[in-house]
Amino acid sequence: MTQLTHIDEQGRAKMVDTSDKSVTARRAVASARVLASAGTIEAIRKHQTPKGDPLETARLAGVMAAKQTADLIPLCHPLPLTHVDVRAEVRDDCVYLEAEVATRAQTGVEMEALTAVSVAALTIYDMCKAIDKAMTITDVRLELKTGGKSGDYRRDPNPQGTT
């Protein structure tokens, strides 16, 4: 790539013109983790958190966030989302979040999926901060994207140098 796609001739930020791009099926999956103490994880499992069910609240917040991405990220295109699903799973040391977003459009939905898991993670924090202010939001990342000119992407589950 020899030129920046979001900068005009005068060096100003611009939204990419997608007018000539084909409408295709696009899908993206992103994930995040909220690391928490054993006591917090247990409280979530037993449905004993002070503000109610953090998992269901986070799921709904993630769906709402995906739909508002273009209002939050300055150069994102507003997209007609056809599917948003946010999943929350309690693990031994964290809440694992995954968002799947789909559309038929001229540009992809990676930012919508990343926004969904980010807001879902913030919601877990908000719902549980009364019992654990030391929670850490980590590993917000794109796992998969399909469709579009740049082709498909799938994160390597075990990149070289990791275990």
Protein backbone atom coordinates (compact mmCIF):
# COMPACT_ATOMS: atom_id res chain seq x y z
CA MET A 1 0.00 0.00 0.00
CA THR A 2 1.67 3.21 -1.13
CA GLN A 3 -0.81 5.84 0.03
CA LEU A 4 -2.85 6.39 3.14
CA THR A 5 -6.52 5.71 2.51
CA HIS A 6 -7.88 8.02 5.22
CA ILE A 7 -5.79 11.11 4.35
CA ASP A 8 -6.58 13.54 1.52
CA GLU A 9 -4.11 15.47 -0.67
CA GLN A 10 -3.87 18.24 1.96
CA GLY A 11 -3.11 15.78 4.78
CA ARG A 12 -6.58 16.01 6.33
CA ALA A 13 -8.44 12.99 7.67
CA LYS A 14 -11.19 11.75 5.37
CA MET A 15 -13.73 8.96 5.20
CA VAL A 16 -12.90 6.46 2.47
CA ASP A 17 -15.21 6.64 -0.54
CA THR A 18 -16.77 3.20 -0.94
CA SER A 19 -19.12 4.19 -3.77
CA ASP A 20 -17.38 1.97 -6.33
CA LYS A 21 -17.00 -1.03 -4.03
CA SER A 22 -19.29 -4.03 -4.44
CA VAL A 23 -21.83 -4.95 -1.80
CA THR A 24 -20.74 -8.30 -0.38
CA ALA A 25 -21.38 -10.39 2.71
CA ARG A 26 -19.03 -9.34 5.50
CA ARG A 27 -18.49 -10.94 8.90
CA ALA A 28 -16.13 -10.27 11.79
CA VAL A 29 -15.50 -11.87 15.18
CA ALA A 30 -13.62 -10.11 17.98
CA SER A 31 -12.83 -11.15 21.53
CA ALA A 32 -11.77 -9.67 24.86
CA ARG A 33 -11.10 -10.85 28.39
CA VAL A 34 -11.87 -9.27 31.75
CA LEU A 35 -9.44 -10.67 34.30
CA ALA A 36 -10.93 -10.78 37.79
CA SER A 37 -10.25 -12.15 41.26
CA ALA A 38 -11.43 -15.61 42.24
CA GLY A 39 -14.04 -13.99 44.50
CA THR A 40 -15.44 -11.92 41.66
CA ILE A 41 -15.57 -14.90 39.32
CA GLU A 42 -17.42 -16.86 42.01
CA ALA A 43 -19.89 -13.99 42.60
CA ILE A 44 -20.64 -13.87 38.86
CA ARG A 45 -21.13 -17.65 38.73
CA LYS A 46 -23.48 -17.59 41.73
CA HIS A 47 -25.40 -14.55 40.44
CA GLN A 48 -24.42 -12.58 43.54
CA THR A 49 -23.11 -9.35 42.06
CA PRO A 50 -24.55 -6.11 43.49
CA LYS A 51 -25.91 -4.67 40.23
CA GLY A 52 -27.51 -7.83 38.83
CA ASP A 53 -26.41 -10.15 36.03
CA PRO A 54 -23.23 -8.71 34.48
CA LEU A 55 -23.13 -11.24 31.65
CA GLU A 56 -26.57 -10.48 30.23
CA THR A 57 -26.11 -6.75 30.73
CA ALA A 58 -22.73 -6.92 28.93
CA ARG A 59 -24.26 -8.88 26.05
CA LEU A 60 -26.93 -6.24 25.53
CA ALA A 61 -24.43 -3.39 25.88
CA GLY A 62 -22.22 -5.02 23.24
CA VAL A 63 -25.10 -5.34 20.79
CA MET A 64 -26.06 -1.71 21.35
CA ALA A 65 -22.44 -0.60 20.93
CA ALA A 66 -22.00 -2.43 17.62
CA LYS A 67 -24.99 -0.50 16.27
CA GLN A 68 -23.43 2.83 17.37
CA THR A 69 -19.87 2.30 16.09
CA ALA A 70 -20.05 4.96 13.37
CA ASP A 71 -21.11 7.49 16.03
CA LEU A 72 -18.06 6.63 18.15
CA ILE A 73 -15.24 6.11 15.64
CA PRO A 74 -14.90 9.21 13.45
CA LEU A 75 -14.08 7.64 10.07
CA CYS A 76 -16.26 4.50 10.27
CA HIS A 77 -19.11 4.14 7.83
CA PRO A 78 -22.62 3.61 9.23
CA LEU A 79 -23.54 0.06 8.24
CA PRO A 80 -26.81 -1.87 8.04
CA LEU A 81 -25.95 -4.67 10.44
CA THR A 82 -27.78 -7.90 9.70
CA HIS A 83 -26.51 -9.84 12.72
CA VAL A 84 -24.89 -9.03 16.07
CA ASP A 85 -24.25 -11.65 18.72
CA VAL A 86 -22.24 -11.11 21.90
CA ARG A 87 -21.33 -14.14 23.96
CA ALA A 88 -20.02 -14.06 27.54
CA GLU A 89 -18.44 -17.04 29.25
CA VAL A 90 -17.15 -17.25 32.82
CA ARG A 91 -13.76 -18.96 32.96
CA ASP A 92 -11.45 -19.70 35.88
CA ASP A 93 -9.77 -16.29 35.96
CA CYS A 94 -11.80 -14.14 33.62
CA VAL A 95 -14.95 -13.38 31.71
CA TYR A 96 -14.30 -14.20 28.05
CA LEU A 97 -16.29 -12.13 25.58
CA GLU A 98 -16.81 -12.72 21.88
CA ALA A 99 -18.78 -10.62 19.40
CA GLU A 100 -19.87 -11.70 15.94
CA VAL A 101 -21.15 -9.07 13.52
CA ALA A 102 -22.40 -9.45 9.94
CA THR A 103 -23.66 -7.23 7.14
CA ARG A 104 -24.06 -7.02 3.39
CA ALA A 105 -22.24 -3.80 2.58
CA GLN A 106 -19.35 -2.11 0.78
CA THR A 107 -17.04 -2.20 3.79
CA GLY A 108 -16.31 -4.57 6.66
CA VAL A 109 -17.54 -4.88 10.22
CA GLU A 110 -14.27 -5.36 12.12
CA MET A 111 -14.72 -2.11 14.02
CA GLU A 112 -18.28 -3.03 14.99
CA ALA A 113 -17.11 -6.36 16.43
CA LEU A 114 -14.21 -4.72 18.29
CA THR A 115 -16.49 -1.99 19.64
CA ALA A 116 -19.01 -4.58 20.80
CA VAL A 117 -16.48 -6.58 22.86
CA SER A 118 -14.85 -3.42 24.22
CA VAL A 119 -18.13 -2.03 25.53
CA ALA A 120 -19.18 -5.46 26.80
CA ALA A 121 -15.89 -5.65 28.73
CA LEU A 122 -16.41 -2.16 30.16
CA THR A 123 -19.90 -3.23 31.21
CA ILE A 124 -18.53 -6.27 33.09
CA TYR A 125 -16.19 -3.88 34.88
CA ASP A 126 -19.01 -1.47 35.71
CA MET A 127 -21.29 -4.24 36.96
CA CYS A 128 -18.59 -5.74 39.21
CA LYS A 129 -16.47 -2.76 40.29
CA ALA A 130 -18.17 -2.63 43.70
CA ILE A 131 -16.50 -5.95 44.55
CA ASP A 132 -13.31 -5.78 42.43
CA LYS A 133 -11.76 -2.51 41.28
CA ALA A 134 -8.58 -4.37 40.24
CA MET A 135 -10.19 -6.10 37.24
CA THR A 136 -8.20 -5.80 34.02
CA ILE A 137 -9.60 -5.61 30.50
CA THR A 138 -7.20 -7.31 28.14
CA ASP A 139 -6.70 -9.02 24.79
CA VAL A 140 -9.22 -6.99 22.78
CA ARG A 141 -8.56 -8.37 19.31
CA LEU A 142 -9.91 -9.37 15.94
CA GLU A 143 -10.25 -13.14 15.64
CA LEU A 144 -11.77 -13.46 12.17
CA LYS A 145 -13.01 -11.45 9.24
CA THR A 146 -14.53 -12.62 5.98
CA GLY A 147 -15.52 -10.85 2.80
CA GLY A 148 -14.23 -7.84 1.00
CA LYS A 149 -11.36 -7.01 -1.32
CA SER A 150 -8.62 -7.71 1.23
CA GLY A 151 -9.84 -11.27 1.69
CA ASP A 152 -10.36 -13.40 4.75
CA TYR A 153 -8.36 -13.26 7.98
CA ARG A 154 -8.21 -15.73 10.86
CA ARG A 155 -5.99 -15.15 13.89
CA ASP A 156 -3.40 -17.87 14.35
CA PRO A 157 -4.46 -19.62 17.59
CA ASN A 158 -0.84 -20.43 18.45
CA PRO A 159 1.53 -17.93 16.86
CA GLN A 160 5.19 -18.84 16.85
CA GLY A 161 6.86 -18.11 20.14
CA THR A 162 3.76 -18.59 22.32
CA THR A 163 2.35 -21.57 24.10
